[in-house]
Amino acid sequence: MVARSRMPDESSRFTDLSFDEVVSDPMAQIEHVYRRAGIELTGEARVAMATWRSRNAEEKLPKHRYSAEQFGLTNDQIRSEFADYTARFIPEERA
């Protein structure tokens, strides 16, 4: 985050996506990324992505459950290490 903030053209070099928005409307986020990259999102690509999504729907895949403790961490450690990131990208009500 520190190195990124030192870049004078940071806003044109990075495209940030909200996890919640990716989950709730993935095609809108894909369209956003393609626009930012100056790449045409073709109908063929849209169909391929929609097909992949239907074959890999969340309810068809096993659930993954992880905890900080599994990795020798605590939630407080994680919050401390990622405080700058959280302050910049995560709305206060979710932090």
N, C-alpha and C. Protein backbone atom coordinates (compact mmCIF):
# COMPACT_ATOMS: atom_id res chain seq x y z
N MET A 1 0.83 -1.18 0.00
CA MET A 1 0.00 0.00 0.00
C MET A 1 0.88 1.25 0.00
N VAL A 2 1.97 1.22 0.72
CA VAL A 2 2.86 2.38 0.77
C VAL A 2 3.48 2.63 -0.60
N ALA A 3 4.01 1.57 -1.22
CA ALA A 3 4.62 1.73 -2.55
C ALA A 3 3.58 2.20 -3.55
N ARG A 4 2.41 1.65 -3.48
CA ARG A 4 1.35 2.03 -4.41
C ARG A 4 0.97 3.50 -4.24
N SER A 5 0.89 3.96 -3.01
CA SER A 5 0.48 5.35 -2.77
C SER A 5 1.53 6.35 -3.25
N ARG A 6 2.76 5.91 -3.45
CA ARG A 6 3.81 6.80 -3.94
C ARG A 6 3.78 6.99 -5.46
N MET A 7 2.99 6.19 -6.14
CA MET A 7 2.93 6.28 -7.59
C MET A 7 2.04 7.45 -8.00
N PRO A 8 2.59 8.36 -8.80
CA PRO A 8 1.79 9.54 -9.18
C PRO A 8 0.58 9.17 -10.04
N ASP A 9 0.67 8.06 -10.74
CA ASP A 9 -0.42 7.64 -11.62
C ASP A 9 -1.17 6.43 -11.05
N GLU A 10 -1.21 6.35 -9.74
CA GLU A 10 -1.81 5.18 -9.08
C GLU A 10 -3.22 4.88 -9.59
N SER A 11 -4.06 5.89 -9.71
CA SER A 11 -5.45 5.64 -10.09
C SER A 11 -5.59 5.07 -11.49
N SER A 12 -4.62 5.30 -12.35
CA SER A 12 -4.70 4.73 -13.70
C SER A 12 -3.99 3.38 -13.80
N ARG A 13 -3.23 3.01 -12.79
CA ARG A 13 -2.47 1.76 -12.84
C ARG A 13 -3.17 0.60 -12.15
N PHE A 14 -4.15 0.91 -11.31
CA PHE A 14 -4.82 -0.12 -10.52
C PHE A 14 -6.32 -0.03 -10.71
N THR A 15 -6.95 -1.17 -10.68
CA THR A 15 -8.41 -1.25 -10.69
C THR A 15 -8.81 -2.04 -9.46
N ASP A 16 -9.45 -1.37 -8.54
CA ASP A 16 -9.85 -2.01 -7.29
C ASP A 16 -11.29 -2.49 -7.40
N LEU A 17 -11.52 -3.68 -6.89
CA LEU A 17 -12.84 -4.27 -6.90
C LEU A 17 -13.24 -4.61 -5.47
N SER A 18 -14.50 -4.40 -5.18
CA SER A 18 -15.05 -4.79 -3.89
C SER A 18 -15.47 -6.25 -3.96
N PHE A 19 -15.04 -7.04 -2.99
CA PHE A 19 -15.43 -8.45 -2.95
C PHE A 19 -16.95 -8.58 -2.96
N ASP A 20 -17.62 -7.77 -2.15
CA ASP A 20 -19.08 -7.85 -2.09
C ASP A 20 -19.72 -7.58 -3.45
N GLU A 21 -19.17 -6.62 -4.19
CA GLU A 21 -19.72 -6.31 -5.52
C GLU A 21 -19.39 -7.41 -6.52
N VAL A 22 -18.23 -8.03 -6.39
CA VAL A 22 -17.88 -9.14 -7.28
C VAL A 22 -18.85 -10.30 -7.04
N VAL A 23 -19.17 -10.56 -5.79
CA VAL A 23 -20.08 -11.66 -5.46
C VAL A 23 -21.51 -11.33 -5.90
N SER A 24 -21.95 -10.10 -5.66
CA SER A 24 -23.34 -9.75 -5.95
C SER A 24 -23.60 -9.51 -7.43
N ASP A 25 -22.62 -8.99 -8.18
CA ASP A 25 -22.83 -8.71 -9.60
C ASP A 25 -21.51 -8.89 -10.36
N PRO A 26 -21.08 -10.13 -10.51
CA PRO A 26 -19.77 -10.37 -11.11
C PRO A 26 -19.63 -9.83 -12.53
N MET A 27 -20.67 -9.90 -13.34
CA MET A 27 -20.53 -9.42 -14.72
C MET A 27 -20.30 -7.92 -14.76
N ALA A 28 -20.93 -7.18 -13.89
CA ALA A 28 -20.70 -5.73 -13.85
C ALA A 28 -19.24 -5.44 -13.51
N GLN A 29 -18.67 -6.21 -12.61
CA GLN A 29 -17.27 -6.01 -12.24
C GLN A 29 -16.33 -6.42 -13.38
N ILE A 30 -16.68 -7.49 -14.08
CA ILE A 30 -15.88 -7.91 -15.23
C ILE A 30 -15.93 -6.84 -16.30
N GLU A 31 -17.11 -6.30 -16.56
CA GLU A 31 -17.25 -5.22 -17.54
C GLU A 31 -16.39 -4.02 -17.15
N HIS A 32 -16.38 -3.70 -15.87
CA HIS A 32 -15.57 -2.59 -15.35
C HIS A 32 -14.08 -2.83 -15.63
N VAL A 33 -13.61 -4.03 -15.34
CA VAL A 33 -12.19 -4.37 -15.57
C VAL A 33 -11.86 -4.28 -17.06
N TYR A 34 -12.70 -4.84 -17.89
CA TYR A 34 -12.46 -4.78 -19.33
C TYR A 34 -12.41 -3.34 -19.82
N ARG A 35 -13.38 -2.50 -19.38
CA ARG A 35 -13.38 -1.08 -19.77
C ARG A 35 -12.08 -0.40 -19.36
N ARG A 36 -11.68 -0.60 -18.10
CA ARG A 36 -10.46 0.02 -17.59
C ARG A 36 -9.24 -0.41 -18.38
N ALA A 37 -9.24 -1.66 -18.84
CA ALA A 37 -8.10 -2.19 -19.59
C ALA A 37 -8.19 -1.84 -21.08
N GLY A 38 -9.32 -1.27 -21.50
CA GLY A 38 -9.48 -0.93 -22.90
C GLY A 38 -9.66 -2.14 -23.79
N ILE A 39 -10.25 -3.20 -23.23
CA ILE A 39 -10.46 -4.44 -23.96
C ILE A 39 -11.96 -4.62 -24.21
N GLU A 40 -12.30 -5.03 -25.42
CA GLU A 40 -13.70 -5.29 -25.74
C GLU A 40 -14.14 -6.59 -25.08
N LEU A 41 -15.27 -6.53 -24.41
CA LEU A 41 -15.86 -7.73 -23.84
C LEU A 41 -16.85 -8.26 -24.87
N THR A 42 -16.44 -9.26 -25.59
CA THR A 42 -17.25 -9.78 -26.70
C THR A 42 -18.42 -10.60 -26.19
N GLY A 43 -19.39 -10.77 -27.06
CA GLY A 43 -20.52 -11.63 -26.75
C GLY A 43 -20.08 -13.05 -26.48
N GLU A 44 -19.10 -13.52 -27.25
CA GLU A 44 -18.57 -14.86 -27.05
C GLU A 44 -17.96 -15.02 -25.66
N ALA A 45 -17.22 -14.01 -25.21
CA ALA A 45 -16.62 -14.06 -23.88
C ALA A 45 -17.70 -14.06 -22.81
N ARG A 46 -18.73 -13.24 -23.00
CA ARG A 46 -19.84 -13.19 -22.04
C ARG A 46 -20.51 -14.56 -21.91
N VAL A 47 -20.77 -15.20 -23.05
CA VAL A 47 -21.41 -16.51 -23.04
C VAL A 47 -20.53 -17.53 -22.33
N ALA A 48 -19.23 -17.50 -22.62
CA ALA A 48 -18.29 -18.43 -21.97
C ALA A 48 -18.28 -18.22 -20.46
N MET A 49 -18.29 -16.96 -20.03
CA MET A 49 -18.28 -16.67 -18.60
C MET A 49 -19.58 -17.11 -17.95
N ALA A 50 -20.70 -16.86 -18.60
CA ALA A 50 -22.00 -17.27 -18.05
C ALA A 50 -22.08 -18.79 -17.96
N THR A 51 -21.55 -19.47 -18.96
CA THR A 51 -21.54 -20.94 -18.94
C THR A 51 -20.69 -21.45 -17.79
N TRP A 52 -19.52 -20.87 -17.61
CA TRP A 52 -18.64 -21.27 -16.51
C TRP A 52 -19.34 -21.04 -15.18
N ARG A 53 -19.98 -19.88 -15.04
CA ARG A 53 -20.66 -19.58 -13.77
C ARG A 53 -21.77 -20.58 -13.48
N SER A 54 -22.53 -20.95 -14.49
CA SER A 54 -23.62 -21.89 -14.23
C SER A 54 -23.09 -23.28 -13.88
N ARG A 55 -21.97 -23.66 -14.46
CA ARG A 55 -21.38 -24.97 -14.15
C ARG A 55 -20.66 -24.99 -12.81
N ASN A 56 -20.28 -23.82 -12.34
CA ASN A 56 -19.51 -23.72 -11.10
C ASN A 56 -20.23 -22.87 -10.05
N ALA A 57 -21.54 -22.93 -10.05
CA ALA A 57 -22.33 -22.16 -9.10
C ALA A 57 -21.92 -22.51 -7.68
N GLU A 58 -21.98 -21.52 -6.82
CA GLU A 58 -21.55 -21.69 -5.43
C GLU A 58 -22.21 -22.88 -4.76
N GLU A 59 -23.49 -23.08 -5.03
CA GLU A 59 -24.19 -24.19 -4.36
C GLU A 59 -23.73 -25.56 -4.84
N LYS A 60 -23.00 -25.60 -5.96
CA LYS A 60 -22.50 -26.87 -6.48
C LYS A 60 -21.11 -27.22 -5.96
N LEU A 61 -20.46 -26.27 -5.33
CA LEU A 61 -19.08 -26.48 -4.88
C LEU A 61 -19.03 -26.70 -3.37
N PRO A 62 -18.04 -27.43 -2.90
CA PRO A 62 -17.92 -27.61 -1.44
C PRO A 62 -17.58 -26.29 -0.76
N LYS A 63 -18.08 -26.14 0.44
CA LYS A 63 -17.79 -24.94 1.23
C LYS A 63 -16.39 -25.02 1.81
N HIS A 64 -15.71 -23.89 1.80
CA HIS A 64 -14.39 -23.81 2.42
C HIS A 64 -14.54 -22.98 3.69
N ARG A 65 -14.06 -23.50 4.76
CA ARG A 65 -14.13 -22.78 6.04
C ARG A 65 -12.72 -22.68 6.60
N TYR A 66 -12.32 -21.46 6.91
CA TYR A 66 -10.99 -21.21 7.44
C TYR A 66 -11.11 -20.35 8.69
N SER A 67 -10.14 -20.49 9.54
CA SER A 67 -10.08 -19.61 10.71
C SER A 67 -8.65 -19.11 10.86
N ALA A 68 -8.50 -17.96 11.48
CA ALA A 68 -7.18 -17.40 11.72
C ALA A 68 -6.32 -18.37 12.52
N GLU A 69 -6.93 -19.02 13.48
CA GLU A 69 -6.21 -19.93 14.36
C GLU A 69 -5.57 -21.09 13.61
N GLN A 70 -6.18 -21.53 12.52
CA GLN A 70 -5.60 -22.61 11.72
C GLN A 70 -4.22 -22.23 11.19
N PHE A 71 -3.96 -20.95 11.08
CA PHE A 71 -2.70 -20.47 10.53
C PHE A 71 -1.82 -19.81 11.58
N GLY A 72 -2.13 -20.08 12.85
CA GLY A 72 -1.33 -19.54 13.94
C GLY A 72 -1.51 -18.04 14.14
N LEU A 73 -2.66 -17.51 13.75
CA LEU A 73 -2.94 -16.08 13.86
C LEU A 73 -4.17 -15.85 14.72
N THR A 74 -4.36 -14.59 15.07
CA THR A 74 -5.59 -14.19 15.74
C THR A 74 -6.25 -13.12 14.86
N ASN A 75 -7.53 -12.93 15.05
CA ASN A 75 -8.23 -11.88 14.30
C ASN A 75 -7.64 -10.51 14.62
N ASP A 76 -7.24 -10.29 15.86
CA ASP A 76 -6.62 -9.01 16.22
C ASP A 76 -5.31 -8.79 15.48
N GLN A 77 -4.50 -9.83 15.31
CA GLN A 77 -3.25 -9.70 14.55
C GLN A 77 -3.54 -9.31 13.10
N ILE A 78 -4.51 -9.97 12.53
CA ILE A 78 -4.85 -9.68 11.14
C ILE A 78 -5.35 -8.25 11.01
N ARG A 79 -6.23 -7.82 11.89
CA ARG A 79 -6.73 -6.44 11.85
C ARG A 79 -5.59 -5.44 11.98
N SER A 80 -4.64 -5.73 12.85
CA SER A 80 -3.51 -4.83 13.05
C SER A 80 -2.63 -4.76 11.79
N GLU A 81 -2.29 -5.91 11.23
CA GLU A 81 -1.43 -5.96 10.04
C GLU A 81 -2.06 -5.31 8.82
N PHE A 82 -3.38 -5.39 8.71
CA PHE A 82 -4.07 -4.87 7.54
C PHE A 82 -4.85 -3.59 7.81
N ALA A 83 -4.48 -2.88 8.87
CA ALA A 83 -5.22 -1.67 9.26
C ALA A 83 -5.24 -0.62 8.15
N ASP A 84 -4.12 -0.39 7.49
CA ASP A 84 -4.08 0.61 6.41
C ASP A 84 -4.98 0.21 5.25
N TYR A 85 -4.90 -1.06 4.89
CA TYR A 85 -5.74 -1.57 3.81
C TYR A 85 -7.22 -1.44 4.17
N THR A 86 -7.55 -1.87 5.37
CA THR A 86 -8.93 -1.81 5.83
C THR A 86 -9.45 -0.39 5.83
N ALA A 87 -8.64 0.54 6.32
CA ALA A 87 -9.06 1.94 6.37
C ALA A 87 -9.36 2.48 4.97
N ARG A 88 -8.61 2.02 3.99
CA ARG A 88 -8.79 2.53 2.64
C ARG A 88 -9.92 1.85 1.86
N PHE A 89 -10.08 0.54 2.05
CA PHE A 89 -10.97 -0.20 1.16
C PHE A 89 -12.22 -0.78 1.79
N ILE A 90 -12.30 -0.87 3.08
CA ILE A 90 -13.46 -1.52 3.71
C ILE A 90 -14.28 -0.49 4.46
N PRO A 91 -15.55 -0.38 4.11
CA PRO A 91 -16.41 0.59 4.80
C PRO A 91 -16.40 0.34 6.30
N GLU A 92 -16.51 1.41 7.06
CA GLU A 92 -16.43 1.31 8.52
C GLU A 92 -17.39 0.32 9.12
N GLU A 93 -18.60 0.23 8.61
CA GLU A 93 -19.58 -0.67 9.20
C GLU A 93 -19.21 -2.13 9.05
N ARG A 94 -18.29 -2.46 8.12
CA ARG A 94 -17.85 -3.85 7.94
C ARG A 94 -16.53 -4.13 8.62
N ALA A 95 -15.77 -3.12 8.95
CA ALA A 95 -14.42 -3.31 9.51
C ALA A 95 -14.45 -3.95 10.87
